[in-house]
Amino acid sequence: MIEGTRITIGGEEYVIPALSFGQIKKLLPKIQILQSVAGSLTEEQMNAVAEVVQTALSRNYPDMTIEKVEDILDLSNAPKIIKAILGGSGFVQGEPGEAQAGG
């Protein structure tokens, strides 16, 4: 199991690791979409959230599907989970729409 942030979602505890370099490269456009979230979510932003969460969880839970992630995510837990993933992966909030690596 890769170290990460322990978060309870839907009554189950998950260890959410940081994204790998390969995952970040693949997901950078989605991560940039997440950086622009302010207020209510669009369908594109919800899809980006689900994909980033599923990808991060897949490091420790290879059988985690996008459908399962969409079933366990909601508006109350998604921000906390995204913050854990992006923070753990070294991203900090930049200008709207700009993902920056933190140091």
PDB file of N, CA and C in Angstrom:
ATOM      1  N   MET A   1       0.849  -1.179   0.000  1.00  0.00           N
ATOM      2  CA  MET A   1       0.000   0.000   0.000  1.00  0.00           C
ATOM      3  C   MET A   1       0.893   1.241   0.000  1.00  0.00           C
ATOM      4  N   ILE A   2       0.592   2.167  -0.902  1.00  0.00           N
ATOM      5  CA  ILE A   2       1.332   3.425  -0.992  1.00  0.00           C
ATOM      6  C   ILE A   2       0.780   4.379   0.059  1.00  0.00           C
ATOM      7  N   GLU A   3       1.675   5.044   0.765  1.00  0.00           N
ATOM      8  CA  GLU A   3       1.254   5.988   1.802  1.00  0.00           C
ATOM      9  C   GLU A   3       0.423   7.108   1.199  1.00  0.00           C
ATOM     10  N   GLY A   4      -0.469   7.641   2.008  1.00  0.00           N
ATOM     11  CA  GLY A   4      -1.302   8.741   1.554  1.00  0.00           C
ATOM     12  C   GLY A   4      -2.178   9.244   2.679  1.00  0.00           C
ATOM     13  N   THR A   5      -3.189   9.973   2.313  1.00  0.00           N
ATOM     14  CA  THR A   5      -4.129  10.539   3.265  1.00  0.00           C
ATOM     15  C   THR A   5      -5.276   9.560   3.486  1.00  0.00           C
ATOM     16  N   ARG A   6      -5.560   9.285   4.747  1.00  0.00           N
ATOM     17  CA  ARG A   6      -6.676   8.390   5.079  1.00  0.00           C
ATOM     18  C   ARG A   6      -7.962   9.217   5.123  1.00  0.00           C
ATOM     19  N   ILE A   7      -8.926   8.791   4.311  1.00  0.00           N
ATOM     20  CA  ILE A   7     -10.203   9.488   4.245  1.00  0.00           C
ATOM     21  C   ILE A   7     -11.319   8.450   4.244  1.00  0.00           C
ATOM     22  N   THR A   8     -12.357   8.717   5.033  1.00  0.00           N
ATOM     23  CA  THR A   8     -13.526   7.850   5.041  1.00  0.00           C
ATOM     24  C   THR A   8     -14.527   8.384   4.034  1.00  0.00           C
ATOM     25  N   ILE A   9     -14.918   7.500   3.106  1.00  0.00           N
ATOM     26  CA  ILE A   9     -15.883   7.848   2.075  1.00  0.00           C
ATOM     27  C   ILE A   9     -16.949   6.769   2.076  1.00  0.00           C
ATOM     28  N   GLY A  10     -18.185   7.166   2.258  1.00  0.00           N
ATOM     29  CA  GLY A  10     -19.274   6.197   2.240  1.00  0.00           C
ATOM     30  C   GLY A  10     -19.115   5.102   3.272  1.00  0.00           C
ATOM     31  N   GLY A  11     -18.552   5.430   4.423  1.00  0.00           N
ATOM     32  CA  GLY A  11     -18.392   4.457   5.493  1.00  0.00           C
ATOM     33  C   GLY A  11     -17.171   3.562   5.368  1.00  0.00           C
ATOM     34  N   GLU A  12     -16.391   3.710   4.300  1.00  0.00           N
ATOM     35  CA  GLU A  12     -15.179   2.920   4.119  1.00  0.00           C
ATOM     36  C   GLU A  12     -13.963   3.841   4.159  1.00  0.00           C
ATOM     37  N   GLU A  13     -12.890   3.352   4.776  1.00  0.00           N
ATOM     38  CA  GLU A  13     -11.667   4.138   4.830  1.00  0.00           C
ATOM     39  C   GLU A  13     -10.776   3.797   3.643  1.00  0.00           C
ATOM     40  N   TYR A  14     -10.278   4.839   2.994  1.00  0.00           N
ATOM     41  CA  TYR A  14      -9.368   4.687   1.861  1.00  0.00           C
ATOM     42  C   TYR A  14      -8.085   5.443   2.167  1.00  0.00           C
ATOM     43  N   VAL A  15      -6.974   4.920   1.675  1.00  0.00           N
ATOM     44  CA  VAL A  15      -5.702   5.628   1.733  1.00  0.00           C
ATOM     45  C   VAL A  15      -5.472   6.189   0.338  1.00  0.00           C
ATOM     46  N   ILE A  16      -5.528   7.511   0.238  1.00  0.00           N
ATOM     47  CA  ILE A  16      -5.428   8.172  -1.059  1.00  0.00           C
ATOM     48  C   ILE A  16      -4.008   8.686  -1.240  1.00  0.00           C
ATOM     49  N   PRO A  17      -3.237   8.049  -2.129  1.00  0.00           N
ATOM     50  CA  PRO A  17      -1.856   8.472  -2.339  1.00  0.00           C
ATOM     51  C   PRO A  17      -1.767   9.659  -3.290  1.00  0.00           C
ATOM     52  N   ALA A  18      -0.585  10.245  -3.331  1.00  0.00           N
ATOM     53  CA  ALA A  18      -0.301  11.277  -4.323  1.00  0.00           C
ATOM     54  C   ALA A  18      -0.312  10.638  -5.707  1.00  0.00           C
ATOM     55  N   LEU A  19      -0.494  11.450  -6.714  1.00  0.00           N
ATOM     56  CA  LEU A  19      -0.409  10.974  -8.087  1.00  0.00           C
ATOM     57  C   LEU A  19       1.048  10.727  -8.464  1.00  0.00           C
ATOM     58  N   SER A  20       1.280   9.721  -9.281  1.00  0.00           N
ATOM     59  CA  SER A  20       2.630   9.469  -9.796  1.00  0.00           C
ATOM     60  C   SER A  20       2.943  10.482 -10.899  1.00  0.00           C
ATOM     61  N   PHE A  21       4.225  10.590 -11.278  1.00  0.00           N
ATOM     62  CA  PHE A  21       4.603  11.479 -12.373  1.00  0.00           C
ATOM     63  C   PHE A  21       3.814  11.143 -13.639  1.00  0.00           C
ATOM     64  N   GLY A  22       3.726   9.843 -13.945  1.00  0.00           N
ATOM     65  CA  GLY A  22       3.004   9.426 -15.142  1.00  0.00           C
ATOM     66  C   GLY A  22       1.541   9.818 -15.100  1.00  0.00           C
ATOM     67  N   GLN A  23       0.928   9.676 -13.933  1.00  0.00           N
ATOM     68  CA  GLN A  23      -0.471  10.050 -13.782  1.00  0.00           C
ATOM     69  C   GLN A  23      -0.643  11.563 -13.926  1.00  0.00           C
ATOM     70  N   ILE A  24       0.276  12.332 -13.358  1.00  0.00           N
ATOM     71  CA  ILE A  24       0.193  13.793 -13.470  1.00  0.00           C
ATOM     72  C   ILE A  24       0.294  14.213 -14.928  1.00  0.00           C
ATOM     73  N   LYS A  25       1.250  13.632 -15.655  1.00  0.00           N
ATOM     74  CA  LYS A  25       1.405  13.985 -17.070  1.00  0.00           C
ATOM     75  C   LYS A  25       0.115  13.713 -17.836  1.00  0.00           C
ATOM     76  N   LYS A  26      -0.489  12.562 -17.576  1.00  0.00           N
ATOM     77  CA  LYS A  26      -1.714  12.186 -18.266  1.00  0.00           C
ATOM     78  C   LYS A  26      -2.888  13.088 -17.863  1.00  0.00           C
ATOM     79  N   LEU A  27      -2.939  13.460 -16.593  1.00  0.00           N
ATOM     80  CA  LEU A  27      -4.092  14.181 -16.052  1.00  0.00           C
ATOM     81  C   LEU A  27      -3.935  15.701 -16.008  1.00  0.00           C
ATOM     82  N   LEU A  28      -2.821  16.238 -16.452  1.00  0.00           N
ATOM     83  CA  LEU A  28      -2.588  17.679 -16.304  1.00  0.00           C
ATOM     84  C   LEU A  28      -3.741  18.541 -16.831  1.00  0.00           C
ATOM     85  N   PRO A  29      -4.324  18.226 -17.994  1.00  0.00           N
ATOM     86  CA  PRO A  29      -5.478  19.039 -18.417  1.00  0.00           C
ATOM     87  C   PRO A  29      -6.653  18.957 -17.436  1.00  0.00           C
ATOM     88  N   LYS A  30      -6.882  17.786 -16.841  1.00  0.00           N
ATOM     89  CA  LYS A  30      -7.961  17.623 -15.867  1.00  0.00           C
ATOM     90  C   LYS A  30      -7.635  18.374 -14.578  1.00  0.00           C
ATOM     91  N   ILE A  31      -6.371  18.340 -14.172  1.00  0.00           N
ATOM     92  CA  ILE A  31      -5.946  19.050 -12.965  1.00  0.00           C
ATOM     93  C   ILE A  31      -6.138  20.546 -13.161  1.00  0.00           C
ATOM     94  N   GLN A  32      -5.836  21.044 -14.345  1.00  0.00           N
ATOM     95  CA  GLN A  32      -6.039  22.464 -14.628  1.00  0.00           C
ATOM     96  C   GLN A  32      -7.522  22.830 -14.563  1.00  0.00           C
ATOM     97  N   ILE A  33      -8.391  21.920 -14.997  1.00  0.00           N
ATOM     98  CA  ILE A  33      -9.835  22.154 -14.866  1.00  0.00           C
ATOM     99  C   ILE A  33     -10.213  22.261 -13.395  1.00  0.00           C
ATOM    100  N   LEU A  34      -9.632  21.404 -12.551  1.00  0.00           N
ATOM    101  CA  LEU A  34      -9.943  21.430 -11.120  1.00  0.00           C
ATOM    102  C   LEU A  34      -9.495  22.725 -10.470  1.00  0.00           C
ATOM    103  N   GLN A  35      -8.404  23.285 -10.955  1.00  0.00           N
ATOM    104  CA  GLN A  35      -7.901  24.531 -10.385  1.00  0.00           C
ATOM    105  C   GLN A  35      -8.880  25.683 -10.621  1.00  0.00           C
ATOM    106  N   SER A  36      -9.778  25.537 -11.612  1.00  0.00           N
ATOM    107  CA  SER A  36     -10.704  26.623 -11.942  1.00  0.00           C
ATOM    108  C   SER A  36     -12.067  26.472 -11.270  1.00  0.00           C
ATOM    109  N   VAL A  37     -12.240  25.433 -10.459  1.00  0.00           N
ATOM    110  CA  VAL A  37     -13.543  25.205  -9.819  1.00  0.00           C
ATOM    111  C   VAL A  37     -13.801  26.295  -8.792  1.00  0.00           C
ATOM    112  N   ALA A  38     -14.927  26.964  -8.967  1.00  0.00           N
ATOM    113  CA  ALA A  38     -15.360  27.983  -8.008  1.00  0.00           C
ATOM    114  C   ALA A  38     -16.883  27.980  -8.007  1.00  0.00           C
ATOM    115  N   GLY A  39     -17.465  27.552  -6.914  1.00  0.00           N
ATOM    116  CA  GLY A  39     -18.921  27.502  -6.846  1.00  0.00           C
ATOM    117  C   GLY A  39     -19.461  26.185  -7.357  1.00  0.00           C
ATOM    118  N   SER A  40     -20.556  26.258  -8.101  1.00  0.00           N
ATOM    119  CA  SER A  40     -21.204  25.038  -8.580  1.00  0.00           C
ATOM    120  C   SER A  40     -20.358  24.384  -9.672  1.00  0.00           C
ATOM    121  N   LEU A  41     -20.441  23.060  -9.734  1.00  0.00           N
ATOM    122  CA  LEU A  41     -19.634  22.289 -10.672  1.00  0.00           C
ATOM    123  C   LEU A  41     -20.357  22.083 -11.995  1.00  0.00           C
ATOM    124  N   THR A  42     -19.592  22.195 -13.070  1.00  0.00           N
ATOM    125  CA  THR A  42     -20.125  21.851 -14.380  1.00  0.00           C
ATOM    126  C   THR A  42     -19.941  20.348 -14.588  1.00  0.00           C
ATOM    127  N   GLU A  43     -20.564  19.806 -15.610  1.00  0.00           N
ATOM    128  CA  GLU A  43     -20.393  18.391 -15.908  1.00  0.00           C
ATOM    129  C   GLU A  43     -18.931  18.090 -16.229  1.00  0.00           C
ATOM    130  N   GLU A  44     -18.267  18.984 -16.955  1.00  0.00           N
ATOM    131  CA  GLU A  44     -16.850  18.793 -17.284  1.00  0.00           C
ATOM    132  C   GLU A  44     -15.998  18.740 -16.014  1.00  0.00           C
ATOM    133  N   GLN A  45     -16.292  19.608 -15.050  1.00  0.00           N
ATOM    134  CA  GLN A  45     -15.544  19.622 -13.800  1.00  0.00           C
ATOM    135  C   GLN A  45     -15.826  18.374 -12.974  1.00  0.00           C
ATOM    136  N   MET A  46     -17.075  17.915 -12.952  1.00  0.00           N
ATOM    137  CA  MET A  46     -17.394  16.684 -12.221  1.00  0.00           C
ATOM    138  C   MET A  46     -16.676  15.492 -12.844  1.00  0.00           C
ATOM    139  N   ASN A  47     -16.618  15.445 -14.164  1.00  0.00           N
ATOM    140  CA  ASN A  47     -15.888  14.369 -14.846  1.00  0.00           C
ATOM    141  C   ASN A  47     -14.406  14.415 -14.502  1.00  0.00           C
ATOM    142  N   ALA A  48     -13.847  15.631 -14.450  1.00  0.00           N
ATOM    143  CA  ALA A  48     -12.430  15.784 -14.104  1.00  0.00           C
ATOM    144  C   ALA A  48     -12.167  15.328 -12.676  1.00  0.00           C
ATOM    145  N   VAL A  49     -13.039  15.709 -11.746  1.00  0.00           N
ATOM    146  CA  VAL A  49     -12.902  15.285 -10.347  1.00  0.00           C
ATOM    147  C   VAL A  49     -12.915  13.769 -10.271  1.00  0.00           C
ATOM    148  N   ALA A  50     -13.897  13.149 -10.896  1.00  0.00           N
ATOM    149  CA  ALA A  50     -14.025  11.688 -10.834  1.00  0.00           C
ATOM    150  C   ALA A  50     -12.801  11.002 -11.421  1.00  0.00           C
ATOM    151  N   GLU A  51     -12.291  11.516 -12.547  1.00  0.00           N
ATOM    152  CA  GLU A  51     -11.133  10.883 -13.178  1.00  0.00           C
ATOM    153  C   GLU A  51      -9.876  11.019 -12.325  1.00  0.00           C
ATOM    154  N   VAL A  52      -9.651  12.187 -11.755  1.00  0.00           N
ATOM    155  CA  VAL A  52      -8.473  12.390 -10.908  1.00  0.00           C
ATOM    156  C   VAL A  52      -8.556  11.507  -9.663  1.00  0.00           C
ATOM    157  N   VAL A  53      -9.724  11.454  -9.026  1.00  0.00           N
ATOM    158  CA  VAL A  53      -9.889  10.640  -7.822  1.00  0.00           C
ATOM    159  C   VAL A  53      -9.703   9.158  -8.154  1.00  0.00           C
ATOM    160  N   GLN A  54     -10.322   8.692  -9.220  1.00  0.00           N
ATOM    161  CA  GLN A  54     -10.196   7.284  -9.611  1.00  0.00           C
ATOM    162  C   GLN A  54      -8.746   6.934  -9.911  1.00  0.00           C
ATOM    163  N   THR A  55      -8.052   7.815 -10.593  1.00  0.00           N
ATOM    164  CA  THR A  55      -6.657   7.557 -10.943  1.00  0.00           C
ATOM    165  C   THR A  55      -5.789   7.473  -9.692  1.00  0.00           C
ATOM    166  N   ALA A  56      -5.977   8.405  -8.760  1.00  0.00           N
ATOM    167  CA  ALA A  56      -5.193   8.371  -7.525  1.00  0.00           C
ATOM    168  C   ALA A  56      -5.514   7.104  -6.727  1.00  0.00           C
ATOM    169  N   LEU A  57      -6.794   6.802  -6.568  1.00  0.00           N
ATOM    170  CA  LEU A  57      -7.186   5.618  -5.806  1.00  0.00           C
ATOM    171  C   LEU A  57      -6.688   4.325  -6.444  1.00  0.00           C
ATOM    172  N   SER A  58      -6.549   4.315  -7.759  1.00  0.00           N
ATOM    173  CA  SER A  58      -6.130   3.087  -8.450  1.00  0.00           C
ATOM    174  C   SER A  58      -4.727   2.645  -8.068  1.00  0.00           C
ATOM    175  N   ARG A  59      -3.927   3.542  -7.509  1.00  0.00           N
ATOM    176  CA  ARG A  59      -2.590   3.140  -7.062  1.00  0.00           C
ATOM    177  C   ARG A  59      -2.677   2.152  -5.907  1.00  0.00           C
ATOM    178  N   ASN A  60      -3.668   2.312  -5.042  1.00  0.00           N
ATOM    179  CA  ASN A  60      -3.851   1.407  -3.901  1.00  0.00           C
ATOM    180  C   ASN A  60      -5.023   0.457  -4.089  1.00  0.00           C
ATOM    181  N   TYR A  61      -5.927   0.793  -4.966  1.00  0.00           N
ATOM    182  CA  TYR A  61      -7.134  -0.001  -5.183  1.00  0.00           C
ATOM    183  C   TYR A  61      -7.304  -0.215  -6.691  1.00  0.00           C
ATOM    184  N   PRO A  62      -6.541  -1.147  -7.264  1.00  0.00           N
ATOM    185  CA  PRO A  62      -6.536  -1.329  -8.723  1.00  0.00           C
ATOM    186  C   PRO A  62      -7.897  -1.656  -9.330  1.00  0.00           C
ATOM    187  N   ASP A  63      -8.817  -2.168  -8.530  1.00  0.00           N
ATOM    188  CA  ASP A  63     -10.143  -2.508  -9.050  1.00  0.00           C
ATOM    189  C   ASP A  63     -11.139  -1.350  -8.952  1.00  0.00           C
ATOM    190  N   MET A  64     -10.680  -0.192  -8.496  1.00  0.00           N
ATOM    191  CA  MET A  64     -11.567   0.961  -8.347  1.00  0.00           C
ATOM    192  C   MET A  64     -11.974   1.474  -9.732  1.00  0.00           C
ATOM    193  N   THR A  65     -13.267   1.497  -9.982  1.00  0.00           N
ATOM    194  CA  THR A  65     -13.767   1.954 -11.273  1.00  0.00           C
ATOM    195  C   THR A  65     -14.251   3.397 -11.189  1.00  0.00           C
ATOM    196  N   ILE A  66     -14.359   4.020 -12.333  1.00  0.00           N
ATOM    197  CA  ILE A  66     -14.885   5.376 -12.379  1.00  0.00           C
ATOM    198  C   ILE A  66     -16.337   5.395 -11.892  1.00  0.00           C
ATOM    199  N   GLU A  67     -17.087   4.341 -12.181  1.00  0.00           N
ATOM    200  CA  GLU A  67     -18.479   4.262 -11.727  1.00  0.00           C
ATOM    201  C   GLU A  67     -18.561   4.210 -10.204  1.00  0.00           C
ATOM    202  N   LYS A  68     -17.682   3.455  -9.580  1.00  0.00           N
ATOM    203  CA  LYS A  68     -17.648   3.373  -8.109  1.00  0.00           C
ATOM    204  C   LYS A  68     -17.302   4.736  -7.520  1.00  0.00           C
ATOM    205  N   VAL A  69     -16.317   5.400  -8.123  1.00  0.00           N
ATOM    206  CA  VAL A  69     -15.925   6.726  -7.642  1.00  0.00           C
ATOM    207  C   VAL A  69     -17.097   7.700  -7.758  1.00  0.00           C
ATOM    208  N   GLU A  70     -17.792   7.667  -8.883  1.00  0.00           N
ATOM    209  CA  GLU A  70     -18.934   8.564  -9.055  1.00  0.00           C
ATOM    210  C   GLU A  70     -20.039   8.261  -8.054  1.00  0.00           C
ATOM    211  N   ASP A  71     -20.151   7.008  -7.620  1.00  0.00           N
ATOM    212  CA  ASP A  71     -21.157   6.638  -6.625  1.00  0.00           C
ATOM    213  C   ASP A  71     -20.785   7.093  -5.214  1.00  0.00           C
ATOM    214  N   ILE A  72     -19.491   7.145  -4.896  1.00  0.00           N
ATOM    215  CA  ILE A  72     -19.089   7.502  -3.529  1.00  0.00           C
ATOM    216  C   ILE A  72     -18.774   8.986  -3.362  1.00  0.00           C
ATOM    217  N   LEU A  73     -18.530   9.698  -4.471  1.00  0.00           N
ATOM    218  CA  LEU A  73     -18.261  11.132  -4.377  1.00  0.00           C
ATOM    219  C   LEU A  73     -19.561  11.910  -4.218  1.00  0.00           C
ATOM    220  N   ASP A  74     -19.487  12.973  -3.441  1.00  0.00           N
ATOM    221  CA  ASP A  74     -20.608  13.912  -3.368  1.00  0.00           C
ATOM    222  C   ASP A  74     -20.031  15.299  -3.118  1.00  0.00           C
ATOM    223  N   LEU A  75     -20.885  16.286  -3.060  1.00  0.00           N
ATOM    224  CA  LEU A  75     -20.403  17.662  -2.924  1.00  0.00           C
ATOM    225  C   LEU A  75     -19.774  17.945  -1.566  1.00  0.00           C
ATOM    226  N   SER A  76     -20.044  17.106  -0.579  1.00  0.00           N
ATOM    227  CA  SER A  76     -19.445  17.335   0.733  1.00  0.00           C
ATOM    228  C   SER A  76     -18.058  16.715   0.857  1.00  0.00           C
ATOM    229  N   ASN A  77     -17.786  15.596   0.164  1.00  0.00           N
ATOM    230  CA  ASN A  77     -16.477  14.959   0.324  1.00  0.00           C
ATOM    231  C   ASN A  77     -15.508  15.238  -0.828  1.00  0.00           C
ATOM    232  N   ALA A  78     -16.010  15.614  -1.996  1.00  0.00           N
ATOM    233  CA  ALA A  78     -15.134  15.822  -3.156  1.00  0.00           C
ATOM    234  C   ALA A  78     -14.059  16.890  -2.916  1.00  0.00           C
ATOM    235  N   PRO A  79     -14.387  18.061  -2.355  1.00  0.00           N
ATOM    236  CA  PRO A  79     -13.329  19.062  -2.147  1.00  0.00           C
ATOM    237  C   PRO A  79     -12.204  18.572  -1.238  1.00  0.00           C
ATOM    238  N   LYS A  80     -12.558  17.860  -0.173  1.00  0.00           N
ATOM    239  CA  LYS A  80     -11.550  17.346   0.757  1.00  0.00           C
ATOM    240  C   LYS A  80     -10.650  16.322   0.070  1.00  0.00           C
ATOM    241  N   ILE A  81     -11.237  15.470  -0.750  1.00  0.00           N
ATOM    242  CA  ILE A  81     -10.478  14.432  -1.445  1.00  0.00           C
ATOM    243  C   ILE A  81      -9.550  15.054  -2.484  1.00  0.00           C
ATOM    244  N   ILE A  82     -10.061  16.001  -3.253  1.00  0.00           N
ATOM    245  CA  ILE A  82      -9.229  16.663  -4.268  1.00  0.00           C
ATOM    246  C   ILE A  82      -8.089  17.418  -3.602  1.00  0.00           C
ATOM    247  N   LYS A  83      -8.372  18.083  -2.495  1.00  0.00           N
ATOM    248  CA  LYS A  83      -7.311  18.803  -1.771  1.00  0.00           C
ATOM    249  C   LYS A  83      -6.231  17.832  -1.311  1.00  0.00           C
ATOM    250  N   ALA A  84      -6.628  16.665  -0.821  1.00  0.00           N
ATOM    251  CA  ALA A  84      -5.660  15.657  -0.380  1.00  0.00           C
ATOM    252  C   ALA A  84      -4.815  15.167  -1.548  1.00  0.00           C
ATOM    253  N   ILE A  85      -5.442  14.926  -2.695  1.00  0.00           N
ATOM    254  CA  ILE A  85      -4.709  14.417  -3.858  1.00  0.00           C
ATOM    255  C   ILE A  85      -3.766  15.482  -4.403  1.00  0.00           C
ATOM    256  N   LEU A  86      -4.286  16.667  -4.654  1.00  0.00           N
ATOM    257  CA  LEU A  86      -3.446  17.714  -5.253  1.00  0.00           C
ATOM    258  C   LEU A  86      -2.369  18.186  -4.288  1.00  0.00           C
ATOM    259  N   GLY A  87      -2.719  18.332  -3.010  1.00  0.00           N
ATOM    260  CA  GLY A  87      -1.724  18.729  -2.019  1.00  0.00           C
ATOM    261  C   GLY A  87      -0.640  17.688  -1.864  1.00  0.00           C
ATOM    262  N   GLY A  88      -1.036  16.427  -1.809  1.00  0.00           N
ATOM    263  CA  GLY A  88      -0.074  15.341  -1.694  1.00  0.00           C
ATOM    264  C   GLY A  88       0.795  15.193  -2.920  1.00  0.00           C
ATOM    265  N   SER A  89       0.289  15.651  -4.064  1.00  0.00           N
ATOM    266  CA  SER A  89       1.032  15.547  -5.316  1.00  0.00           C
ATOM    267  C   SER A  89       1.896  16.771  -5.586  1.00  0.00           C
ATOM    268  N   GLY A  90       1.850  17.753  -4.680  1.00  0.00           N
ATOM    269  CA  GLY A  90       2.718  18.917  -4.801  1.00  0.00           C
ATOM    270  C   GLY A  90       2.109  20.102  -5.518  1.00  0.00           C
ATOM    271  N   PHE A  91       0.801  20.091  -5.733  1.00  0.00           N
ATOM    272  CA  PHE A  91       0.163  21.223  -6.392  1.00  0.00           C
ATOM    273  C   PHE A  91      -0.336  22.206  -5.354  1.00  0.00           C
ATOM    274  N   VAL A  92      -0.237  23.474  -5.707  1.00  0.00           N
ATOM    275  CA  VAL A  92      -0.770  24.538  -4.873  1.00  0.00           C
ATOM    276  C   VAL A  92      -1.720  25.348  -5.726  1.00  0.00           C
ATOM    277  N   GLN A  93      -2.639  26.048  -5.087  1.00  0.00           N
ATOM    278  CA  GLN A  93      -3.596  26.871  -5.814  1.00  0.00           C
ATOM    279  C   GLN A  93      -2.874  28.034  -6.459  1.00  0.00           C
ATOM    280  N   GLY A  94      -3.019  28.172  -7.743  1.00  0.00           N
ATOM    281  CA  GLY A  94      -2.427  29.290  -8.464  1.00  0.00           C
ATOM    282  C   GLY A  94      -3.525  30.203  -8.981  1.00  0.00           C
ATOM    283  N   GLU A  95      -3.243  30.868 -10.080  1.00  0.00           N
ATOM    284  CA  GLU A  95      -4.258  31.665 -10.728  1.00  0.00           C
ATOM    285  C   GLU A  95      -5.353  30.736 -11.226  1.00  0.00           C
ATOM    286  N   PRO A  96      -6.571  31.211 -11.339  1.00  0.00           N
ATOM    287  CA  PRO A  96      -7.635  30.343 -11.842  1.00  0.00           C
ATOM    288  C   PRO A  96      -7.233  29.693 -13.155  1.00  0.00           C
ATOM    289  N   GLY A  97      -7.413  28.379 -13.223  1.00  0.00           N
ATOM    290  CA  GLY A  97      -7.075  27.625 -14.426  1.00  0.00           C
ATOM    291  C   GLY A  97      -5.617  27.273 -14.561  1.00  0.00           C
ATOM    292  N   GLU A  98      -4.812  27.547 -13.529  1.00  0.00           N
ATOM    293  CA  GLU A  98      -3.375  27.286 -13.617  1.00  0.00           C
ATOM    294  C   GLU A  98      -2.954  26.327 -12.522  1.00  0.00           C
ATOM    295  N   ALA A  99      -2.483  25.164 -12.904  1.00  0.00           N
ATOM    296  CA  ALA A  99      -1.959  24.210 -11.938  1.00  0.00           C
ATOM    297  C   ALA A  99      -0.475  24.461 -11.784  1.00  0.00           C
ATOM    298  N   GLN A 100      -0.024  24.584 -10.553  1.00  0.00           N
ATOM    299  CA  GLN A 100       1.383  24.841 -10.293  1.00  0.00           C
ATOM    300  C   GLN A 100       1.937  23.775  -9.368  1.00  0.00           C
ATOM    301  N   ALA A 101       3.149  23.356  -9.647  1.00  0.00           N
ATOM    302  CA  ALA A 101       3.815  22.440  -8.733  1.00  0.00           C
ATOM    303  C   ALA A 101       4.342  23.254  -7.563  1.00  0.00           C
ATOM    304  N   GLY A 102       4.105  22.754  -6.362  1.00  0.00           N
ATOM    305  CA  GLY A 102       4.600  23.444  -5.178  1.00  0.00           C
ATOM    306  C   GLY A 102       5.956  22.895  -4.800  1.00  0.00           C
ATOM    307  N   GLY A 103       6.625  23.586  -3.865  1.00  0.00           N
ATOM    308  CA  GLY A 103       7.951  23.123  -3.531  1.00  0.00           C
ATOM    309  C   GLY A 103       8.182  22.970  -2.116  1.00  0.00           C
TER     310      GLY A 103
END
